[in-house]
Amino acid sequence: MVLLRLSIILCVMLYGPSLSGAASPKNIFILAGQSNMAGRGGVENNAQGNLQWDGLVPPECQPQPSILRLNPGLQWEIAREPLHLGIDIKRTPGIGPGIAFAHELLVKAGPNAGAVGLVPCARGGTLIEQWIKNPSNPSATFYQNFIERIKASDKDGGVVRALFWFQGESDAAMNDTAIRYKDNLKKFFTDIRDDIKPRFLPIIVVKIALYDFFRQHDTHNLPAVREAKEAVSKELPDVVAIDSLKLPINYTTNEGINLDHGHFNTTTEITLGKWLAETYLSHFGQLL
């Protein structure tokens, strides 16, 4: 009986006051963007030509009680791969950077990390104009749900520590959307911060490595989207840019990517997750 009471007390200290399912985590991170944030590690065509996740979960992505995810029903649960299952709908998600990030954060930050909450929000194949706040645009369908998930994540006492944004491949496929990307990204980040006040929201944005050749495109403009992210990181406070071209990927030899040449493989996703943890701790680790 004494051991049972001690276990309950420990759970409350780690995860919060509620013991119905997984309770609210201490430190919360928002993951948004498109497919390489949602994760396609281990996803390839099967014998029937349909995309299928191989179900392989490496040690860096294994579930544990101190890593939680906000599920589609806005409830906390132990995070398991694929992290974006039920979020990146009508897609086939696989391994992404989220759980690997949380594992690395727990190792590097120690007790300060507490229980880590992940809020998956990424949607494969999306343009930024589907994300930005624009009530007059019927195709801008994600913003309100996105804000609702952020607000639901910390209602029980956890703290939203950062947004990780990895998107833009679809915009880079078309010259007109690429040219508009900087203004759209700046508006998107500004509106988020305005709408979730009084929360302080650091942002880590991942510069893309390629355009989305799965999308119908005209003259693509990858440099414009990459330059836009770099510019926004300099023009807005507390926005840090990292460059996915520095990941161990090679589009000539297929190193680090899936057979489709458009998505990171499991190894690269894990590397990205660890890099996000290192970047967060080096710039904002004092907040934990």
C-alpha atoms as a PDB file:
ATOM      1  CA  MET A   1       0.000   0.000   0.000  1.00  0.00           C
ATOM      2  CA  VAL A   2       2.835   2.380   0.849  1.00  0.00           C
ATOM      3  CA  LEU A   3       4.497   1.664  -2.501  1.00  0.00           C
ATOM      4  CA  LEU A   4       1.216   2.288  -4.330  1.00  0.00           C
ATOM      5  CA  ARG A   5       0.778   5.653  -2.633  1.00  0.00           C
ATOM      6  CA  LEU A   6       4.354   6.622  -3.460  1.00  0.00           C
ATOM      7  CA  SER A   7       3.773   5.674  -7.117  1.00  0.00           C
ATOM      8  CA  ILE A   8       0.648   7.849  -7.274  1.00  0.00           C
ATOM      9  CA  ILE A   9       2.482  10.789  -5.714  1.00  0.00           C
ATOM     10  CA  LEU A  10       5.334  10.389  -8.211  1.00  0.00           C
ATOM     11  CA  CYS A  11       2.889  10.344 -11.159  1.00  0.00           C
ATOM     12  CA  VAL A  12       1.229  13.533  -9.919  1.00  0.00           C
ATOM     13  CA  MET A  13       4.604  15.250  -9.531  1.00  0.00           C
ATOM     14  CA  LEU A  14       5.725  14.259 -13.012  1.00  0.00           C
ATOM     15  CA  TYR A  15       2.564  14.594 -15.065  1.00  0.00           C
ATOM     16  CA  GLY A  16       0.190  16.886 -13.208  1.00  0.00           C
ATOM     17  CA  PRO A  17      -2.860  16.567 -10.986  1.00  0.00           C
ATOM     18  CA  SER A  18      -5.028  14.364 -13.201  1.00  0.00           C
ATOM     19  CA  LEU A  19      -4.641  10.597 -13.350  1.00  0.00           C
ATOM     20  CA  SER A  20      -7.398   9.967 -15.913  1.00  0.00           C
ATOM     21  CA  GLY A  21      -5.345   8.692 -18.849  1.00  0.00           C
ATOM     22  CA  ALA A  22      -2.165  10.733 -19.337  1.00  0.00           C
ATOM     23  CA  ALA A  23      -2.207  14.031 -17.464  1.00  0.00           C
ATOM     24  CA  SER A  24      -0.879  17.378 -18.619  1.00  0.00           C
ATOM     25  CA  PRO A  25       2.893  17.513 -19.248  1.00  0.00           C
ATOM     26  CA  LYS A  26       5.168  20.209 -17.873  1.00  0.00           C
ATOM     27  CA  ASN A  27       6.821  21.413 -21.099  1.00  0.00           C
ATOM     28  CA  ILE A  28       4.900  21.465 -24.386  1.00  0.00           C
ATOM     29  CA  PHE A  29       6.143  21.727 -27.966  1.00  0.00           C
ATOM     30  CA  ILE A  30       4.078  22.343 -31.107  1.00  0.00           C
ATOM     31  CA  LEU A  31       5.048  20.512 -34.308  1.00  0.00           C
ATOM     32  CA  ALA A  32       3.594  21.958 -37.506  1.00  0.00           C
ATOM     33  CA  GLY A  33       4.241  22.114 -41.229  1.00  0.00           C
ATOM     34  CA  GLN A  34       3.921  19.480 -43.924  1.00  0.00           C
ATOM     35  CA  SER A  35       5.036  15.912 -44.608  1.00  0.00           C
ATOM     36  CA  ASN A  36       8.639  15.949 -43.417  1.00  0.00           C
ATOM     37  CA  MET A  37       7.446  17.295 -40.063  1.00  0.00           C
ATOM     38  CA  ALA A  38       4.557  14.838 -39.924  1.00  0.00           C
ATOM     39  CA  GLY A  39       7.086  12.124 -40.759  1.00  0.00           C
ATOM     40  CA  ARG A  40       7.427   9.652 -43.596  1.00  0.00           C
ATOM     41  CA  GLY A  41      10.261   7.598 -42.142  1.00  0.00           C
ATOM     42  CA  GLY A  42       9.690   3.938 -42.967  1.00  0.00           C
ATOM     43  CA  VAL A  43       6.900   4.711 -45.441  1.00  0.00           C
ATOM     44  CA  GLU A  44       7.328   3.124 -48.867  1.00  0.00           C
ATOM     45  CA  ASN A  45       5.136   1.535 -51.548  1.00  0.00           C
ATOM     46  CA  ASN A  46       4.126  -2.039 -50.759  1.00  0.00           C
ATOM     47  CA  ALA A  47       3.754  -4.867 -53.289  1.00  0.00           C
ATOM     48  CA  GLN A  48       0.353  -3.491 -54.311  1.00  0.00           C
ATOM     49  CA  GLY A  49       1.816  -0.045 -54.961  1.00  0.00           C
ATOM     50  CA  ASN A  50       0.211   1.535 -51.886  1.00  0.00           C
ATOM     51  CA  LEU A  51       2.096   3.552 -49.296  1.00  0.00           C
ATOM     52  CA  GLN A  52       2.638   1.612 -46.089  1.00  0.00           C
ATOM     53  CA  TRP A  53       4.596   2.262 -42.892  1.00  0.00           C
ATOM     54  CA  ASP A  54       6.971  -0.588 -42.057  1.00  0.00           C
ATOM     55  CA  GLY A  55       6.152  -0.417 -38.337  1.00  0.00           C
ATOM     56  CA  LEU A  56       9.816  -0.333 -37.289  1.00  0.00           C
ATOM     57  CA  VAL A  57      10.390   1.889 -34.244  1.00  0.00           C
ATOM     58  CA  PRO A  58      14.054   2.539 -33.395  1.00  0.00           C
ATOM     59  CA  PRO A  59      15.213   3.079 -29.798  1.00  0.00           C
ATOM     60  CA  GLU A  60      15.228   6.880 -30.214  1.00  0.00           C
ATOM     61  CA  CYS A  61      11.476   6.776 -30.943  1.00  0.00           C
ATOM     62  CA  GLN A  62      10.244   4.241 -28.397  1.00  0.00           C
ATOM     63  CA  PRO A  63       7.321   5.270 -26.175  1.00  0.00           C
ATOM     64  CA  GLN A  64       7.867   6.127 -22.546  1.00  0.00           C
ATOM     65  CA  PRO A  65       5.587   7.607 -19.846  1.00  0.00           C
ATOM     66  CA  SER A  66       7.376  10.972 -19.778  1.00  0.00           C
ATOM     67  CA  ILE A  67       6.710  11.696 -23.483  1.00  0.00           C
ATOM     68  CA  LEU A  68       3.076  12.503 -24.254  1.00  0.00           C
ATOM     69  CA  ARG A  69       1.112  13.590 -27.314  1.00  0.00           C
ATOM     70  CA  LEU A  70      -2.064  15.628 -27.633  1.00  0.00           C
ATOM     71  CA  ASN A  71      -4.304  13.306 -29.636  1.00  0.00           C
ATOM     72  CA  PRO A  72      -7.011  14.330 -32.149  1.00  0.00           C
ATOM     73  CA  GLY A  73      -9.541  14.436 -29.295  1.00  0.00           C
ATOM     74  CA  LEU A  74      -7.391  17.005 -27.423  1.00  0.00           C
ATOM     75  CA  GLN A  75      -6.466  14.506 -24.715  1.00  0.00           C
ATOM     76  CA  TRP A  76      -2.975  13.656 -23.518  1.00  0.00           C
ATOM     77  CA  GLU A  77      -1.725  10.130 -24.066  1.00  0.00           C
ATOM     78  CA  ILE A  78       1.644   8.379 -24.163  1.00  0.00           C
ATOM     79  CA  ALA A  79       3.253   9.321 -27.493  1.00  0.00           C
ATOM     80  CA  ARG A  80       3.779   6.498 -29.963  1.00  0.00           C
ATOM     81  CA  GLU A  81       4.846   6.347 -33.576  1.00  0.00           C
ATOM     82  CA  PRO A  82       3.475   7.372 -35.949  1.00  0.00           C
ATOM     83  CA  LEU A  83       3.096  10.554 -33.888  1.00  0.00           C
ATOM     84  CA  HIS A  84       0.876  12.209 -36.528  1.00  0.00           C
ATOM     85  CA  LEU A  85      -1.546   9.304 -36.899  1.00  0.00           C
ATOM     86  CA  GLY A  86      -5.053  10.775 -36.937  1.00  0.00           C
ATOM     87  CA  ILE A  87      -3.667  14.289 -37.435  1.00  0.00           C
ATOM     88  CA  ASP A  88      -2.088  14.099 -40.900  1.00  0.00           C
ATOM     89  CA  ILE A  89      -5.325  12.719 -42.281  1.00  0.00           C
ATOM     90  CA  LYS A  90      -5.669  11.038 -45.689  1.00  0.00           C
ATOM     91  CA  ARG A  91      -1.908  10.438 -45.595  1.00  0.00           C
ATOM     92  CA  THR A  92       0.362   7.610 -44.453  1.00  0.00           C
ATOM     93  CA  PRO A  93       2.499   8.952 -41.615  1.00  0.00           C
ATOM     94  CA  GLY A  94       5.610   7.209 -40.360  1.00  0.00           C
ATOM     95  CA  ILE A  95       8.555   8.187 -38.200  1.00  0.00           C
ATOM     96  CA  GLY A  96       8.977  11.942 -37.749  1.00  0.00           C
ATOM     97  CA  PRO A  97      11.275  14.129 -35.645  1.00  0.00           C
ATOM     98  CA  GLY A  98       8.940  14.644 -32.666  1.00  0.00           C
ATOM     99  CA  ILE A  99       9.561  11.681 -30.382  1.00  0.00           C
ATOM    100  CA  ALA A 100      13.294  11.671 -31.157  1.00  0.00           C
ATOM    101  CA  PHE A 101      13.307  15.353 -30.164  1.00  0.00           C
ATOM    102  CA  ALA A 102      11.628  14.560 -26.842  1.00  0.00           C
ATOM    103  CA  HIS A 103      14.048  11.723 -26.047  1.00  0.00           C
ATOM    104  CA  GLU A 104      17.021  13.998 -26.732  1.00  0.00           C
ATOM    105  CA  LEU A 105      15.512  16.795 -24.637  1.00  0.00           C
ATOM    106  CA  LEU A 106      15.048  14.431 -21.699  1.00  0.00           C
ATOM    107  CA  VAL A 107      18.669  13.283 -21.968  1.00  0.00           C
ATOM    108  CA  LYS A 108      20.183  16.760 -22.368  1.00  0.00           C
ATOM    109  CA  ALA A 109      17.927  18.783 -20.034  1.00  0.00           C
ATOM    110  CA  GLY A 110      17.580  16.199 -17.279  1.00  0.00           C
ATOM    111  CA  PRO A 111      14.998  16.850 -14.540  1.00  0.00           C
ATOM    112  CA  ASN A 112      14.216  20.313 -15.951  1.00  0.00           C
ATOM    113  CA  ALA A 113      12.497  18.671 -18.918  1.00  0.00           C
ATOM    114  CA  GLY A 114       9.852  17.081 -16.693  1.00  0.00           C
ATOM    115  CA  ALA A 115       7.176  15.374 -18.750  1.00  0.00           C
ATOM    116  CA  VAL A 116       7.396  16.500 -22.390  1.00  0.00           C
ATOM    117  CA  GLY A 117       4.206  17.133 -24.333  1.00  0.00           C
ATOM    118  CA  LEU A 118       4.146  16.988 -28.138  1.00  0.00           C
ATOM    119  CA  VAL A 119       1.323  18.619 -30.089  1.00  0.00           C
ATOM    120  CA  PRO A 120       1.362  17.198 -33.646  1.00  0.00           C
ATOM    121  CA  CYS A 121      -0.299  19.535 -36.161  1.00  0.00           C
ATOM    122  CA  ALA A 122       1.491  18.952 -39.493  1.00  0.00           C
ATOM    123  CA  ARG A 123      -0.403  18.218 -42.721  1.00  0.00           C
ATOM    124  CA  GLY A 124       1.295  16.741 -45.765  1.00  0.00           C
ATOM    125  CA  GLY A 125       1.250  18.592 -49.067  1.00  0.00           C
ATOM    126  CA  THR A 126      -0.069  21.887 -47.698  1.00  0.00           C
ATOM    127  CA  LEU A 127       0.567  25.440 -48.821  1.00  0.00           C
ATOM    128  CA  ILE A 128       1.160  28.153 -46.249  1.00  0.00           C
ATOM    129  CA  GLU A 129      -1.940  29.967 -47.500  1.00  0.00           C
ATOM    130  CA  GLN A 130      -3.955  27.045 -46.129  1.00  0.00           C
ATOM    131  CA  TRP A 131      -2.419  27.746 -42.712  1.00  0.00           C
ATOM    132  CA  ILE A 132      -2.540  31.512 -42.352  1.00  0.00           C
ATOM    133  CA  LYS A 133      -5.364  33.328 -40.605  1.00  0.00           C
ATOM    134  CA  ASN A 134      -7.707  34.474 -43.371  1.00  0.00           C
ATOM    135  CA  PRO A 135     -11.456  34.199 -42.639  1.00  0.00           C
ATOM    136  CA  SER A 136     -12.302  35.321 -46.186  1.00  0.00           C
ATOM    137  CA  ASN A 137     -10.382  32.407 -47.778  1.00  0.00           C
ATOM    138  CA  PRO A 138     -12.353  29.130 -47.669  1.00  0.00           C
ATOM    139  CA  SER A 139      -9.192  27.114 -48.353  1.00  0.00           C
ATOM    140  CA  ALA A 140      -7.462  28.492 -45.237  1.00  0.00           C
ATOM    141  CA  THR A 141      -8.862  25.668 -43.148  1.00  0.00           C
ATOM    142  CA  PHE A 142      -6.135  24.818 -40.656  1.00  0.00           C
ATOM    143  CA  TYR A 143      -5.540  27.973 -38.614  1.00  0.00           C
ATOM    144  CA  GLN A 144      -8.445  27.799 -36.178  1.00  0.00           C
ATOM    145  CA  ASN A 145      -7.905  24.116 -35.434  1.00  0.00           C
ATOM    146  CA  PHE A 146      -4.198  24.823 -34.995  1.00  0.00           C
ATOM    147  CA  ILE A 147      -4.855  27.572 -32.430  1.00  0.00           C
ATOM    148  CA  GLU A 148      -7.399  25.405 -30.638  1.00  0.00           C
ATOM    149  CA  ARG A 149      -4.836  22.643 -30.248  1.00  0.00           C
ATOM    150  CA  ILE A 150      -2.256  25.057 -28.838  1.00  0.00           C
ATOM    151  CA  LYS A 151      -4.746  26.487 -26.338  1.00  0.00           C
ATOM    152  CA  ALA A 152      -5.987  23.035 -25.323  1.00  0.00           C
ATOM    153  CA  SER A 153      -2.456  21.798 -24.713  1.00  0.00           C
ATOM    154  CA  ASP A 154      -1.651  24.024 -21.744  1.00  0.00           C
ATOM    155  CA  LYS A 155      -5.063  24.492 -20.159  1.00  0.00           C
ATOM    156  CA  ASP A 156      -4.144  22.179 -17.251  1.00  0.00           C
ATOM    157  CA  GLY A 157      -0.967  23.950 -16.239  1.00  0.00           C
ATOM    158  CA  GLY A 158       1.731  22.928 -18.712  1.00  0.00           C
ATOM    159  CA  VAL A 159       3.672  25.589 -20.584  1.00  0.00           C
ATOM    160  CA  VAL A 160       4.020  25.867 -24.372  1.00  0.00           C
ATOM    161  CA  ARG A 161       7.761  26.244 -24.859  1.00  0.00           C
ATOM    162  CA  ALA A 162       8.161  26.480 -28.651  1.00  0.00           C
ATOM    163  CA  LEU A 163       6.738  26.008 -32.120  1.00  0.00           C
ATOM    164  CA  PHE A 164       8.714  23.947 -34.622  1.00  0.00           C
ATOM    165  CA  TRP A 165       7.766  24.848 -38.215  1.00  0.00           C
ATOM    166  CA  PHE A 166       8.905  22.752 -41.201  1.00  0.00           C
ATOM    167  CA  GLN A 167       6.907  23.598 -44.325  1.00  0.00           C
ATOM    168  CA  GLY A 168       7.257  25.296 -47.685  1.00  0.00           C
ATOM    169  CA  GLU A 169       8.074  22.530 -50.160  1.00  0.00           C
ATOM    170  CA  SER A 170       4.630  22.934 -51.739  1.00  0.00           C
ATOM    171  CA  ASP A 171       5.029  26.718 -51.973  1.00  0.00           C
ATOM    172  CA  ALA A 172       8.471  26.309 -53.540  1.00  0.00           C
ATOM    173  CA  ALA A 173       6.932  24.245 -56.341  1.00  0.00           C
ATOM    174  CA  MET A 174       5.212  27.342 -57.765  1.00  0.00           C
ATOM    175  CA  ASN A 175       6.874  30.664 -58.408  1.00  0.00           C
ATOM    176  CA  ASP A 176       3.921  32.826 -57.347  1.00  0.00           C
ATOM    177  CA  THR A 177       3.445  31.145 -53.953  1.00  0.00           C
ATOM    178  CA  ALA A 178       7.203  31.132 -53.378  1.00  0.00           C
ATOM    179  CA  ILE A 179       7.375  34.886 -53.939  1.00  0.00           C
ATOM    180  CA  ARG A 180       4.544  35.460 -51.447  1.00  0.00           C
ATOM    181  CA  TYR A 181       6.032  33.118 -48.863  1.00  0.00           C
ATOM    182  CA  LYS A 182       7.915  35.665 -46.773  1.00  0.00           C
ATOM    183  CA  ASP A 183       4.901  37.918 -46.188  1.00  0.00           C
ATOM    184  CA  ASN A 184       2.685  34.916 -45.494  1.00  0.00           C
ATOM    185  CA  LEU A 185       5.146  33.362 -43.036  1.00  0.00           C
ATOM    186  CA  LYS A 186       5.634  36.624 -41.180  1.00  0.00           C
ATOM    187  CA  LYS A 187       1.875  37.116 -40.903  1.00  0.00           C
ATOM    188  CA  PHE A 188       1.385  33.516 -39.778  1.00  0.00           C
ATOM    189  CA  PHE A 189       3.907  33.758 -36.949  1.00  0.00           C
ATOM    190  CA  THR A 190       2.656  37.191 -35.874  1.00  0.00           C
ATOM    191  CA  ASP A 191      -0.997  36.105 -35.825  1.00  0.00           C
ATOM    192  CA  ILE A 192      -0.187  32.991 -33.793  1.00  0.00           C
ATOM    193  CA  ARG A 193       1.601  35.027 -31.168  1.00  0.00           C
ATOM    194  CA  ASP A 194      -1.218  37.568 -31.050  1.00  0.00           C
ATOM    195  CA  ASP A 195      -3.893  34.892 -30.696  1.00  0.00           C
ATOM    196  CA  ILE A 196      -2.256  32.854 -27.944  1.00  0.00           C
ATOM    197  CA  LYS A 197      -1.279  35.751 -25.694  1.00  0.00           C
ATOM    198  CA  PRO A 198       0.004  35.952 -22.984  1.00  0.00           C
ATOM    199  CA  ARG A 199       2.151  32.941 -23.907  1.00  0.00           C
ATOM    200  CA  PHE A 200       5.763  33.591 -24.924  1.00  0.00           C
ATOM    201  CA  LEU A 201       6.358  31.570 -28.093  1.00  0.00           C
ATOM    202  CA  PRO A 202       9.869  30.872 -29.375  1.00  0.00           C
ATOM    203  CA  ILE A 203       9.857  29.530 -32.932  1.00  0.00           C
ATOM    204  CA  ILE A 204      12.380  27.258 -34.632  1.00  0.00           C
ATOM    205  CA  VAL A 205      11.878  27.179 -38.396  1.00  0.00           C
ATOM    206  CA  VAL A 206      13.505  24.562 -40.607  1.00  0.00           C
ATOM    207  CA  LYS A 207      14.682  25.793 -44.007  1.00  0.00           C
ATOM    208  CA  ILE A 208      13.565  23.349 -46.691  1.00  0.00           C
ATOM    209  CA  ALA A 209      15.923  21.340 -48.871  1.00  0.00           C
ATOM    210  CA  LEU A 210      13.741  20.732 -51.953  1.00  0.00           C
ATOM    211  CA  TYR A 211      10.495  21.709 -53.599  1.00  0.00           C
ATOM    212  CA  ASP A 212       7.456  19.438 -53.663  1.00  0.00           C
ATOM    213  CA  PHE A 213       7.648  17.655 -57.001  1.00  0.00           C
ATOM    214  CA  PHE A 214       4.529  15.650 -56.094  1.00  0.00           C
ATOM    215  CA  ARG A 215       2.552  18.876 -56.608  1.00  0.00           C
ATOM    216  CA  GLN A 216       1.610  20.256 -60.022  1.00  0.00           C
ATOM    217  CA  HIS A 217       4.081  23.082 -60.496  1.00  0.00           C
ATOM    218  CA  ASP A 218       5.259  25.689 -62.942  1.00  0.00           C
ATOM    219  CA  THR A 219       8.722  27.222 -62.562  1.00  0.00           C
ATOM    220  CA  HIS A 220       9.637  26.252 -59.008  1.00  0.00           C
ATOM    221  CA  ASN A 221      11.440  28.718 -56.745  1.00  0.00           C
ATOM    222  CA  LEU A 222      13.170  26.935 -53.884  1.00  0.00           C
ATOM    223  CA  PRO A 223      15.607  29.810 -53.143  1.00  0.00           C
ATOM    224  CA  ALA A 224      12.768  32.265 -52.493  1.00  0.00           C
ATOM    225  CA  VAL A 225      11.255  30.082 -49.768  1.00  0.00           C
ATOM    226  CA  ARG A 226      14.623  29.384 -48.165  1.00  0.00           C
ATOM    227  CA  GLU A 227      15.525  33.082 -48.216  1.00  0.00           C
ATOM    228  CA  ALA A 228      12.105  33.986 -46.800  1.00  0.00           C
ATOM    229  CA  LYS A 229      12.654  31.797 -43.742  1.00  0.00           C
ATOM    230  CA  GLU A 230      16.088  33.255 -43.144  1.00  0.00           C
ATOM    231  CA  ALA A 231      14.720  36.798 -43.476  1.00  0.00           C
ATOM    232  CA  VAL A 232      11.816  36.193 -41.096  1.00  0.00           C
ATOM    233  CA  SER A 233      14.192  34.728 -38.519  1.00  0.00           C
ATOM    234  CA  LYS A 234      16.059  38.041 -38.591  1.00  0.00           C
ATOM    235  CA  GLU A 235      13.021  40.332 -38.680  1.00  0.00           C
ATOM    236  CA  LEU A 236      10.947  38.746 -35.916  1.00  0.00           C
ATOM    237  CA  PRO A 237      12.218  38.283 -32.361  1.00  0.00           C
ATOM    238  CA  ASP A 238      12.871  34.813 -30.939  1.00  0.00           C
ATOM    239  CA  VAL A 239      12.727  33.042 -34.310  1.00  0.00           C
ATOM    240  CA  VAL A 240      15.666  30.735 -35.073  1.00  0.00           C
ATOM    241  CA  ALA A 241      16.277  29.150 -38.485  1.00  0.00           C
ATOM    242  CA  ILE A 242      18.116  25.873 -39.081  1.00  0.00           C
ATOM    243  CA  ASP A 243      18.927  24.526 -42.540  1.00  0.00           C
ATOM    244  CA  SER A 244      17.828  21.003 -43.507  1.00  0.00           C
ATOM    245  CA  LEU A 245      20.486  20.996 -46.239  1.00  0.00           C
ATOM    246  CA  LYS A 246      22.928  20.363 -43.379  1.00  0.00           C
ATOM    247  CA  LEU A 247      21.239  17.055 -42.594  1.00  0.00           C
ATOM    248  CA  PRO A 248      22.914  13.855 -43.910  1.00  0.00           C
ATOM    249  CA  ILE A 249      20.955  13.791 -47.178  1.00  0.00           C
ATOM    250  CA  ASN A 250      22.094  13.342 -50.765  1.00  0.00           C
ATOM    251  CA  TYR A 251      19.526  13.441 -53.543  1.00  0.00           C
ATOM    252  CA  THR A 252      21.971  11.933 -56.031  1.00  0.00           C
ATOM    253  CA  THR A 253      22.823   8.820 -54.013  1.00  0.00           C
ATOM    254  CA  ASN A 254      19.487   8.654 -52.103  1.00  0.00           C
ATOM    255  CA  GLU A 255      21.329   8.898 -48.798  1.00  0.00           C
ATOM    256  CA  GLY A 256      18.984   9.877 -45.966  1.00  0.00           C
ATOM    257  CA  ILE A 257      15.794   9.905 -48.038  1.00  0.00           C
ATOM    258  CA  ASN A 258      13.026   7.518 -49.043  1.00  0.00           C
ATOM    259  CA  LEU A 259      12.817   5.896 -52.454  1.00  0.00           C
ATOM    260  CA  ASP A 260      10.367   8.619 -53.528  1.00  0.00           C
ATOM    261  CA  HIS A 261      13.229  11.186 -53.314  1.00  0.00           C
ATOM    262  CA  GLY A 262      10.856  13.589 -51.578  1.00  0.00           C
ATOM    263  CA  HIS A 263      10.810  12.544 -47.931  1.00  0.00           C
ATOM    264  CA  PHE A 264      13.376  12.010 -45.213  1.00  0.00           C
ATOM    265  CA  ASN A 265      13.952   8.463 -44.065  1.00  0.00           C
ATOM    266  CA  THR A 266      13.857   7.344 -40.442  1.00  0.00           C
ATOM    267  CA  THR A 267      17.549   8.027 -39.795  1.00  0.00           C
ATOM    268  CA  THR A 268      17.292  11.596 -41.082  1.00  0.00           C
ATOM    269  CA  GLU A 269      14.102  12.260 -39.130  1.00  0.00           C
ATOM    270  CA  ILE A 270      15.826  11.145 -35.930  1.00  0.00           C
ATOM    271  CA  THR A 271      18.807  13.374 -36.704  1.00  0.00           C
ATOM    272  CA  LEU A 272      16.440  16.307 -37.253  1.00  0.00           C
ATOM    273  CA  GLY A 273      14.661  15.612 -33.965  1.00  0.00           C
ATOM    274  CA  LYS A 274      17.936  15.639 -32.053  1.00  0.00           C
ATOM    275  CA  TRP A 275      19.000  18.830 -33.841  1.00  0.00           C
ATOM    276  CA  LEU A 276      15.743  20.524 -32.845  1.00  0.00           C
ATOM    277  CA  ALA A 277      16.425  19.598 -29.215  1.00  0.00           C
ATOM    278  CA  GLU A 278      19.979  20.931 -29.363  1.00  0.00           C
ATOM    279  CA  THR A 279      18.814  24.136 -31.059  1.00  0.00           C
ATOM    280  CA  TYR A 280      16.055  24.699 -28.531  1.00  0.00           C
ATOM    281  CA  LEU A 281      18.347  24.136 -25.551  1.00  0.00           C
ATOM    282  CA  SER A 282      21.108  26.365 -26.940  1.00  0.00           C
ATOM    283  CA  HIS A 283      18.739  29.294 -27.549  1.00  0.00           C
ATOM    284  CA  PHE A 284      15.889  28.862 -25.069  1.00  0.00           C
ATOM    285  CA  GLY A 285      16.962  26.171 -22.616  1.00  0.00           C
ATOM    286  CA  GLN A 286      16.936  28.664 -19.738  1.00  0.00           C
ATOM    287  CA  LEU A 287      13.123  28.675 -19.965  1.00  0.00           C
ATOM    288  CA  LEU A 288      12.791  25.084 -18.761  1.00  0.00           C
END
